[in-house]
């Protein structure tokens, strides 16, 4: 089963991009993980127009066999061990890919919410999108280290 982190836009901070690459490299022994940018070329500042365009792009890339997990401030909060158990359960389900999606600055289109299989909150606080990607990848690495009894999570 493939696993990916999708983010609307690009990572803009080089320091965060370097850290992302470090965690992606650490993930390799446990499970391959890809990172994809969702880029929408539209010149509107209207949040509804942007959410709609992003939603169309996201939905066009999904298949019915994909498990879509929104990283959303309104999602379920969990500890790292709970997230590891959640991930283990999800990986047992028949799916071609597990997609962790980080939305744009205005959140997700209603159609993306409707398509989502799960919603997870990284924190009650709001993070910049670059940092949300890093936290997501780090938590995936932590979850796999927990599941594999690695000393990373103490």
N, C-alpha and C. Protein backbone atom coordinates (compact mmCIF):
# COMPACT_ATOMS: atom_id res chain seq x y z
N UNK A 1 0.84 -1.17 0.00
CA UNK A 1 0.00 0.00 0.00
C UNK A 1 0.89 1.24 0.00
N UNK A 2 0.55 2.18 -0.84
CA UNK A 2 1.32 3.42 -0.93
C UNK A 2 0.80 4.41 0.09
N UNK A 3 1.69 5.31 0.48
CA UNK A 3 1.33 6.34 1.45
C UNK A 3 1.92 7.65 0.96
N UNK A 4 1.12 8.72 1.06
CA UNK A 4 1.58 10.02 0.57
C UNK A 4 1.07 11.14 1.46
N UNK A 5 1.83 12.21 1.50
CA UNK A 5 1.40 13.46 2.12
C UNK A 5 1.24 14.45 0.98
N UNK A 6 0.02 14.96 0.84
CA UNK A 6 -0.26 15.97 -0.17
C UNK A 6 -0.46 17.30 0.53
N UNK A 7 0.07 18.35 -0.05
CA UNK A 7 -0.11 19.68 0.51
C UNK A 7 -0.46 20.67 -0.59
N UNK A 8 -1.42 21.53 -0.30
CA UNK A 8 -1.77 22.58 -1.26
C UNK A 8 -0.65 23.62 -1.22
N UNK A 9 -0.11 23.93 -2.38
CA UNK A 9 0.99 24.88 -2.48
C UNK A 9 2.34 24.17 -2.37
N UNK A 10 3.38 24.97 -2.28
CA UNK A 10 4.75 24.46 -2.19
C UNK A 10 5.34 24.81 -0.84
N UNK A 11 6.32 24.03 -0.42
CA UNK A 11 7.08 24.36 0.78
C UNK A 11 7.99 25.53 0.42
N UNK A 12 7.88 26.61 1.17
CA UNK A 12 8.60 27.84 0.83
C UNK A 12 9.88 28.03 1.65
N UNK A 13 9.94 27.46 2.82
CA UNK A 13 11.10 27.64 3.71
C UNK A 13 12.11 26.53 3.48
N UNK A 14 13.33 26.89 3.11
CA UNK A 14 14.37 25.89 2.85
C UNK A 14 14.67 25.04 4.07
N UNK A 15 14.64 25.67 5.26
CA UNK A 15 14.93 24.93 6.48
C UNK A 15 13.90 23.82 6.69
N UNK A 16 12.64 24.13 6.45
CA UNK A 16 11.59 23.13 6.61
C UNK A 16 11.67 22.07 5.51
N UNK A 17 12.03 22.48 4.31
CA UNK A 17 12.20 21.51 3.22
C UNK A 17 13.31 20.52 3.55
N UNK A 18 14.41 21.02 4.13
CA UNK A 18 15.51 20.14 4.53
C UNK A 18 15.07 19.17 5.62
N UNK A 19 14.34 19.67 6.59
CA UNK A 19 13.84 18.80 7.67
C UNK A 19 12.86 17.77 7.13
N UNK A 20 12.00 18.18 6.21
CA UNK A 20 11.08 17.23 5.57
C UNK A 20 11.84 16.10 4.91
N UNK A 21 12.90 16.44 4.18
CA UNK A 21 13.69 15.43 3.50
C UNK A 21 14.36 14.48 4.50
N UNK A 22 14.78 15.00 5.64
CA UNK A 22 15.39 14.15 6.66
C UNK A 22 14.39 13.11 7.17
N UNK A 23 13.15 13.55 7.46
CA UNK A 23 12.15 12.60 7.96
C UNK A 23 11.68 11.65 6.86
N UNK A 24 11.63 12.12 5.63
CA UNK A 24 11.28 11.23 4.52
C UNK A 24 12.33 10.12 4.41
N UNK A 25 13.60 10.49 4.58
CA UNK A 25 14.69 9.52 4.52
C UNK A 25 14.59 8.53 5.69
N UNK A 26 14.26 9.03 6.87
CA UNK A 26 14.11 8.17 8.05
C UNK A 26 12.95 7.18 7.88
N UNK A 27 11.95 7.59 7.13
CA UNK A 27 10.77 6.73 6.92
C UNK A 27 11.05 5.52 6.05
N UNK A 28 12.03 5.63 5.15
CA UNK A 28 12.28 4.57 4.16
C UNK A 28 12.37 3.17 4.72
N UNK A 29 13.09 2.94 5.83
CA UNK A 29 13.16 1.56 6.33
C UNK A 29 11.81 1.01 6.80
N UNK A 30 10.91 1.90 7.19
CA UNK A 30 9.60 1.47 7.69
C UNK A 30 8.56 1.33 6.57
N UNK A 31 8.44 2.40 5.80
CA UNK A 31 7.41 2.42 4.76
C UNK A 31 7.72 3.56 3.80
N UNK A 32 7.66 3.31 2.50
CA UNK A 32 7.88 4.42 1.55
C UNK A 32 6.79 5.48 1.70
N UNK A 33 7.20 6.71 1.61
CA UNK A 33 6.28 7.84 1.75
C UNK A 33 6.63 8.84 0.66
N UNK A 34 5.63 9.29 -0.07
CA UNK A 34 5.87 10.32 -1.08
C UNK A 34 5.25 11.64 -0.62
N UNK A 35 5.76 12.71 -1.16
CA UNK A 35 5.27 14.05 -0.85
C UNK A 35 4.88 14.69 -2.17
N UNK A 36 3.67 15.21 -2.23
CA UNK A 36 3.21 15.83 -3.47
C UNK A 36 2.61 17.20 -3.19
N UNK A 37 2.91 18.14 -4.08
CA UNK A 37 2.33 19.47 -4.00
C UNK A 37 1.07 19.51 -4.87
N UNK A 38 0.03 20.11 -4.35
CA UNK A 38 -1.18 20.36 -5.12
C UNK A 38 -1.12 21.83 -5.52
N UNK A 39 -0.86 22.07 -6.80
CA UNK A 39 -0.69 23.43 -7.28
C UNK A 39 -1.89 23.84 -8.13
N UNK A 40 -2.44 24.98 -7.80
CA UNK A 40 -3.59 25.51 -8.52
C UNK A 40 -3.19 26.87 -9.05
N UNK A 41 -3.30 27.02 -10.36
CA UNK A 41 -2.94 28.30 -10.99
C UNK A 41 -4.22 29.09 -11.23
N UNK A 42 -4.52 29.93 -10.28
CA UNK A 42 -5.71 30.77 -10.38
C UNK A 42 -5.38 32.11 -9.73
N UNK A 43 -5.84 33.17 -10.30
CA UNK A 43 -5.48 34.49 -9.81
C UNK A 43 -6.63 35.15 -9.07
N UNK A 44 -7.20 34.45 -8.15
CA UNK A 44 -8.30 35.00 -7.37
C UNK A 44 -7.88 35.09 -5.91
N UNK A 45 -8.42 36.06 -5.22
CA UNK A 45 -8.20 36.16 -3.78
C UNK A 45 -9.46 35.77 -3.02
N UNK A 46 -10.48 35.36 -3.75
CA UNK A 46 -11.75 34.95 -3.13
C UNK A 46 -11.57 33.56 -2.53
N UNK A 47 -11.71 33.42 -1.20
CA UNK A 47 -11.52 32.11 -0.56
C UNK A 47 -12.38 31.00 -1.16
N UNK A 48 -13.62 31.29 -1.52
CA UNK A 48 -14.51 30.27 -2.08
C UNK A 48 -14.01 29.79 -3.44
N UNK A 49 -13.56 30.71 -4.26
CA UNK A 49 -13.03 30.37 -5.58
C UNK A 49 -11.78 29.51 -5.43
N UNK A 50 -10.90 29.90 -4.51
CA UNK A 50 -9.67 29.14 -4.28
C UNK A 50 -9.97 27.74 -3.74
N UNK A 51 -10.85 27.64 -2.75
CA UNK A 51 -11.22 26.32 -2.20
C UNK A 51 -11.82 25.44 -3.28
N UNK A 52 -12.65 26.01 -4.13
CA UNK A 52 -13.29 25.25 -5.20
C UNK A 52 -12.24 24.72 -6.18
N UNK A 53 -11.31 25.57 -6.60
CA UNK A 53 -10.27 25.16 -7.55
C UNK A 53 -9.36 24.10 -6.92
N UNK A 54 -8.99 24.30 -5.67
CA UNK A 54 -8.17 23.30 -4.98
C UNK A 54 -8.92 21.98 -4.85
N UNK A 55 -10.20 22.08 -4.50
CA UNK A 55 -11.02 20.88 -4.36
C UNK A 55 -11.10 20.08 -5.65
N UNK A 56 -11.30 20.77 -6.77
CA UNK A 56 -11.35 20.09 -8.07
C UNK A 56 -10.05 19.36 -8.36
N UNK A 57 -8.94 20.02 -8.09
CA UNK A 57 -7.62 19.43 -8.35
C UNK A 57 -7.40 18.20 -7.46
N UNK A 58 -7.74 18.32 -6.20
CA UNK A 58 -7.57 17.20 -5.26
C UNK A 58 -8.44 16.03 -5.66
N UNK A 59 -9.71 16.28 -5.89
CA UNK A 59 -10.64 15.20 -6.22
C UNK A 59 -10.28 14.51 -7.54
N UNK A 60 -9.72 15.26 -8.48
CA UNK A 60 -9.34 14.68 -9.77
C UNK A 60 -8.18 13.69 -9.63
N UNK A 61 -7.39 13.82 -8.56
CA UNK A 61 -6.22 12.96 -8.37
C UNK A 61 -6.51 11.73 -7.51
N UNK A 62 -7.70 11.68 -6.93
CA UNK A 62 -8.04 10.56 -6.05
C UNK A 62 -8.74 9.45 -6.82
N UNK A 63 -8.58 8.23 -6.32
CA UNK A 63 -9.34 7.10 -6.84
C UNK A 63 -10.30 6.64 -5.75
N UNK A 64 -11.24 5.80 -6.11
CA UNK A 64 -12.20 5.31 -5.11
C UNK A 64 -11.53 4.39 -4.09
N UNK A 65 -10.38 3.83 -4.42
CA UNK A 65 -9.67 2.94 -3.50
C UNK A 65 -8.76 3.69 -2.52
N UNK A 66 -8.62 5.00 -2.67
CA UNK A 66 -7.76 5.78 -1.79
C UNK A 66 -8.45 6.06 -0.46
N UNK A 67 -7.67 6.02 0.60
CA UNK A 67 -8.14 6.48 1.92
C UNK A 67 -7.63 7.90 2.07
N UNK A 68 -8.55 8.83 2.21
CA UNK A 68 -8.20 10.24 2.32
C UNK A 68 -8.34 10.68 3.77
N UNK A 69 -7.23 11.17 4.33
CA UNK A 69 -7.20 11.64 5.71
C UNK A 69 -6.87 13.13 5.69
N UNK A 70 -7.81 13.94 6.12
CA UNK A 70 -7.60 15.39 6.15
C UNK A 70 -6.90 15.77 7.45
N UNK A 71 -5.85 16.54 7.33
CA UNK A 71 -5.20 17.12 8.50
C UNK A 71 -5.92 18.45 8.71
N UNK A 72 -6.84 18.44 9.66
CA UNK A 72 -7.82 19.53 9.78
C UNK A 72 -7.97 19.92 11.25
N UNK A 73 -7.96 21.21 11.52
CA UNK A 73 -8.06 21.67 12.90
C UNK A 73 -9.33 21.20 13.60
N UNK A 74 -10.36 20.86 12.84
CA UNK A 74 -11.59 20.36 13.42
C UNK A 74 -11.63 18.84 13.54
N UNK A 75 -10.53 18.19 13.20
CA UNK A 75 -10.49 16.73 13.24
C UNK A 75 -10.27 16.18 14.63
N UNK A 76 -10.15 14.87 14.70
CA UNK A 76 -9.95 14.17 15.97
C UNK A 76 -8.52 14.39 16.47
N UNK A 77 -8.41 14.70 17.74
CA UNK A 77 -7.09 14.85 18.35
C UNK A 77 -6.68 13.52 18.96
N UNK A 78 -5.40 13.18 18.83
CA UNK A 78 -4.89 11.94 19.39
C UNK A 78 -3.47 12.13 19.87
N UNK A 79 -3.07 11.26 20.79
CA UNK A 79 -1.68 11.20 21.19
C UNK A 79 -0.90 10.47 20.10
N UNK A 80 0.41 10.51 20.18
CA UNK A 80 1.22 9.80 19.20
C UNK A 80 0.97 8.29 19.24
N UNK A 81 0.89 7.65 20.42
CA UNK A 81 0.56 6.22 20.43
C UNK A 81 -0.84 5.93 19.85
N UNK A 82 -1.80 6.80 20.10
CA UNK A 82 -3.13 6.62 19.50
C UNK A 82 -3.06 6.76 17.99
N UNK A 83 -2.27 7.70 17.51
CA UNK A 83 -2.10 7.87 16.07
C UNK A 83 -1.44 6.63 15.46
N UNK A 84 -0.46 6.06 16.15
CA UNK A 84 0.19 4.84 15.66
C UNK A 84 -0.82 3.70 15.55
N UNK A 85 -1.68 3.55 16.55
CA UNK A 85 -2.71 2.51 16.51
C UNK A 85 -3.71 2.77 15.39
N UNK A 86 -4.07 4.04 15.21
CA UNK A 86 -4.97 4.43 14.11
C UNK A 86 -4.34 4.06 12.77
N UNK A 87 -3.07 4.40 12.60
CA UNK A 87 -2.37 4.12 11.35
C UNK A 87 -2.30 2.62 11.08
N UNK A 88 -2.02 1.85 12.12
CA UNK A 88 -1.95 0.40 11.97
C UNK A 88 -3.31 -0.15 11.51
N UNK A 89 -4.37 0.36 12.09
CA UNK A 89 -5.73 -0.08 11.71
C UNK A 89 -6.03 0.29 10.26
N UNK A 90 -5.71 1.52 9.87
CA UNK A 90 -5.96 1.99 8.50
C UNK A 90 -5.19 1.15 7.49
N UNK A 91 -3.97 0.76 7.85
CA UNK A 91 -3.15 -0.01 6.92
C UNK A 91 -3.69 -1.43 6.71
N UNK A 92 -4.57 -1.87 7.59
CA UNK A 92 -5.18 -3.19 7.43
C UNK A 92 -6.37 -3.16 6.46
N UNK A 93 -6.89 -1.97 6.20
CA UNK A 93 -8.03 -1.83 5.31
C UNK A 93 -7.59 -2.00 3.85
N UNK A 94 -8.47 -2.51 3.01
CA UNK A 94 -8.11 -2.60 1.59
C UNK A 94 -8.12 -1.20 0.96
N UNK A 95 -6.97 -0.79 0.51
CA UNK A 95 -6.84 0.53 -0.13
C UNK A 95 -5.61 0.51 -1.01
N UNK A 96 -5.62 1.33 -2.04
CA UNK A 96 -4.43 1.42 -2.88
C UNK A 96 -3.44 2.43 -2.32
N UNK A 97 -3.97 3.52 -1.72
CA UNK A 97 -3.11 4.55 -1.14
C UNK A 97 -3.76 5.12 0.11
N UNK A 98 -2.92 5.58 1.00
CA UNK A 98 -3.37 6.39 2.13
C UNK A 98 -2.81 7.78 1.87
N UNK A 99 -3.70 8.76 1.79
CA UNK A 99 -3.30 10.14 1.49
C UNK A 99 -3.59 11.00 2.72
N UNK A 100 -2.56 11.66 3.23
CA UNK A 100 -2.70 12.65 4.29
C UNK A 100 -2.68 14.01 3.59
N UNK A 101 -3.77 14.75 3.70
CA UNK A 101 -3.93 15.99 2.94
C UNK A 101 -3.89 17.21 3.85
N UNK A 102 -3.02 18.14 3.50
CA UNK A 102 -2.92 19.42 4.19
C UNK A 102 -3.46 20.47 3.25
N UNK A 103 -4.49 21.17 3.68
CA UNK A 103 -5.20 22.10 2.81
C UNK A 103 -4.50 23.44 2.64
N UNK A 104 -5.15 24.28 1.88
CA UNK A 104 -4.66 25.62 1.63
C UNK A 104 -5.02 26.56 2.78
N UNK A 105 -4.71 27.84 2.62
CA UNK A 105 -4.92 28.80 3.70
C UNK A 105 -6.39 29.00 4.09
N UNK A 106 -7.31 28.61 3.22
CA UNK A 106 -8.73 28.80 3.52
C UNK A 106 -9.44 27.49 3.83
N UNK A 107 -8.68 26.43 4.05
CA UNK A 107 -9.29 25.15 4.39
C UNK A 107 -9.67 24.36 3.16
N UNK A 108 -10.58 23.41 3.36
CA UNK A 108 -10.98 22.49 2.31
C UNK A 108 -12.34 22.84 1.73
N UNK A 109 -12.51 22.51 0.48
CA UNK A 109 -13.80 22.62 -0.20
C UNK A 109 -14.76 21.60 0.42
N UNK A 110 -16.03 21.90 0.43
CA UNK A 110 -17.02 21.00 1.04
C UNK A 110 -17.02 19.62 0.38
N UNK A 111 -16.70 19.55 -0.91
CA UNK A 111 -16.64 18.24 -1.59
C UNK A 111 -15.48 17.39 -1.09
N UNK A 112 -14.39 18.04 -0.70
CA UNK A 112 -13.24 17.32 -0.14
C UNK A 112 -13.61 16.79 1.25
N UNK A 113 -14.29 17.61 2.04
CA UNK A 113 -14.77 17.12 3.34
C UNK A 113 -15.69 15.91 3.15
N UNK A 114 -16.56 15.98 2.17
CA UNK A 114 -17.50 14.88 1.93
C UNK A 114 -16.77 13.61 1.48
N UNK A 115 -15.68 13.75 0.76
CA UNK A 115 -14.93 12.59 0.25
C UNK A 115 -14.01 11.98 1.30
N UNK A 116 -13.63 12.76 2.30
CA UNK A 116 -12.65 12.31 3.29
C UNK A 116 -13.14 11.10 4.07
N UNK A 117 -12.21 10.20 4.34
CA UNK A 117 -12.50 9.04 5.17
C UNK A 117 -12.31 9.35 6.65
N UNK A 118 -11.34 10.24 6.94
CA UNK A 118 -11.02 10.60 8.32
C UNK A 118 -10.53 12.04 8.36
N UNK A 119 -10.66 12.64 9.56
CA UNK A 119 -10.12 13.97 9.81
C UNK A 119 -9.32 13.92 11.11
N UNK A 120 -8.08 14.40 11.05
CA UNK A 120 -7.21 14.41 12.21
C UNK A 120 -6.72 15.83 12.45
N UNK A 121 -6.70 16.21 13.71
CA UNK A 121 -6.17 17.51 14.09
C UNK A 121 -4.74 17.34 14.61
N UNK A 122 -3.84 18.16 14.11
CA UNK A 122 -2.47 18.14 14.63
C UNK A 122 -2.40 18.83 15.99
N UNK A 123 -3.31 19.77 16.20
CA UNK A 123 -3.32 20.56 17.43
C UNK A 123 -4.53 21.49 17.37
N UNK A 124 -4.99 21.97 18.52
CA UNK A 124 -6.04 23.00 18.46
C UNK A 124 -5.51 24.32 17.88
N UNK A 125 -4.18 24.46 17.85
CA UNK A 125 -3.57 25.66 17.28
C UNK A 125 -3.50 25.55 15.76
N UNK A 126 -3.32 26.68 15.11
CA UNK A 126 -3.16 26.71 13.66
C UNK A 126 -1.68 26.86 13.33
N UNK A 127 -1.21 26.09 12.33
CA UNK A 127 0.19 26.14 11.92
C UNK A 127 0.30 26.60 10.48
N UNK A 128 1.43 27.21 10.11
CA UNK A 128 1.68 27.48 8.70
C UNK A 128 1.71 26.14 7.96
N UNK A 129 1.35 26.16 6.69
CA UNK A 129 1.23 24.92 5.92
C UNK A 129 2.54 24.16 5.81
N UNK A 130 3.65 24.88 5.68
CA UNK A 130 4.96 24.22 5.62
C UNK A 130 5.21 23.44 6.91
N UNK A 131 4.93 24.08 8.02
CA UNK A 131 5.15 23.44 9.32
C UNK A 131 4.18 22.27 9.54
N UNK A 132 2.95 22.41 9.06
CA UNK A 132 1.98 21.31 9.18
C UNK A 132 2.46 20.08 8.42
N UNK A 133 3.10 20.28 7.28
CA UNK A 133 3.67 19.15 6.53
C UNK A 133 4.75 18.46 7.34
N UNK A 134 5.64 19.27 7.91
CA UNK A 134 6.74 18.71 8.69
C UNK A 134 6.19 17.94 9.90
N UNK A 135 5.25 18.51 10.60
CA UNK A 135 4.67 17.83 11.76
C UNK A 135 4.01 16.53 11.33
N UNK A 136 3.30 16.54 10.23
CA UNK A 136 2.63 15.32 9.74
C UNK A 136 3.65 14.23 9.43
N UNK A 137 4.70 14.58 8.71
CA UNK A 137 5.72 13.59 8.35
C UNK A 137 6.44 13.09 9.60
N UNK A 138 6.75 14.00 10.53
CA UNK A 138 7.41 13.58 11.77
C UNK A 138 6.51 12.63 12.55
N UNK A 139 5.23 12.92 12.62
CA UNK A 139 4.30 12.04 13.35
C UNK A 139 4.13 10.69 12.66
N UNK A 140 4.21 10.67 11.35
CA UNK A 140 4.18 9.38 10.64
C UNK A 140 5.43 8.57 11.00
N UNK A 141 6.58 9.23 11.00
CA UNK A 141 7.81 8.54 11.38
C UNK A 141 7.72 8.05 12.83
N UNK A 142 7.21 8.88 13.71
CA UNK A 142 7.06 8.51 15.12
C UNK A 142 6.11 7.33 15.25
N UNK A 143 5.00 7.34 14.51
CA UNK A 143 4.04 6.24 14.57
C UNK A 143 4.69 4.92 14.16
N UNK A 144 5.45 4.95 13.08
CA UNK A 144 6.12 3.73 12.64
C UNK A 144 7.19 3.29 13.64
N UNK A 145 7.85 4.26 14.27
CA UNK A 145 8.85 3.88 15.28
C UNK A 145 8.16 3.25 16.49
N UNK A 146 6.99 3.74 16.85
CA UNK A 146 6.22 3.14 17.95
C UNK A 146 5.81 1.72 17.57
N UNK A 147 5.27 1.56 16.38
CA UNK A 147 4.80 0.24 15.94
C UNK A 147 5.94 -0.77 15.82
N UNK A 148 7.15 -0.28 15.57
CA UNK A 148 8.31 -1.16 15.42
C UNK A 148 9.21 -1.18 16.66
N UNK A 149 8.70 -0.63 17.75
CA UNK A 149 9.40 -0.65 19.05
C UNK A 149 10.79 -0.01 18.97
N UNK A 150 10.90 1.03 18.18
CA UNK A 150 12.13 1.78 18.05
C UNK A 150 12.26 2.73 19.26
N UNK A 151 13.46 3.06 19.68
CA UNK A 151 13.61 3.96 20.82
C UNK A 151 13.31 5.44 20.52
N UNK A 152 12.99 5.78 19.28
CA UNK A 152 12.73 7.19 18.92
C UNK A 152 11.66 7.81 19.82
N UNK A 153 10.58 7.10 20.04
CA UNK A 153 9.49 7.62 20.89
C UNK A 153 9.70 7.08 22.31
N UNK A 154 10.00 7.97 23.25
CA UNK A 154 10.18 7.49 24.61
C UNK A 154 9.04 7.96 25.47
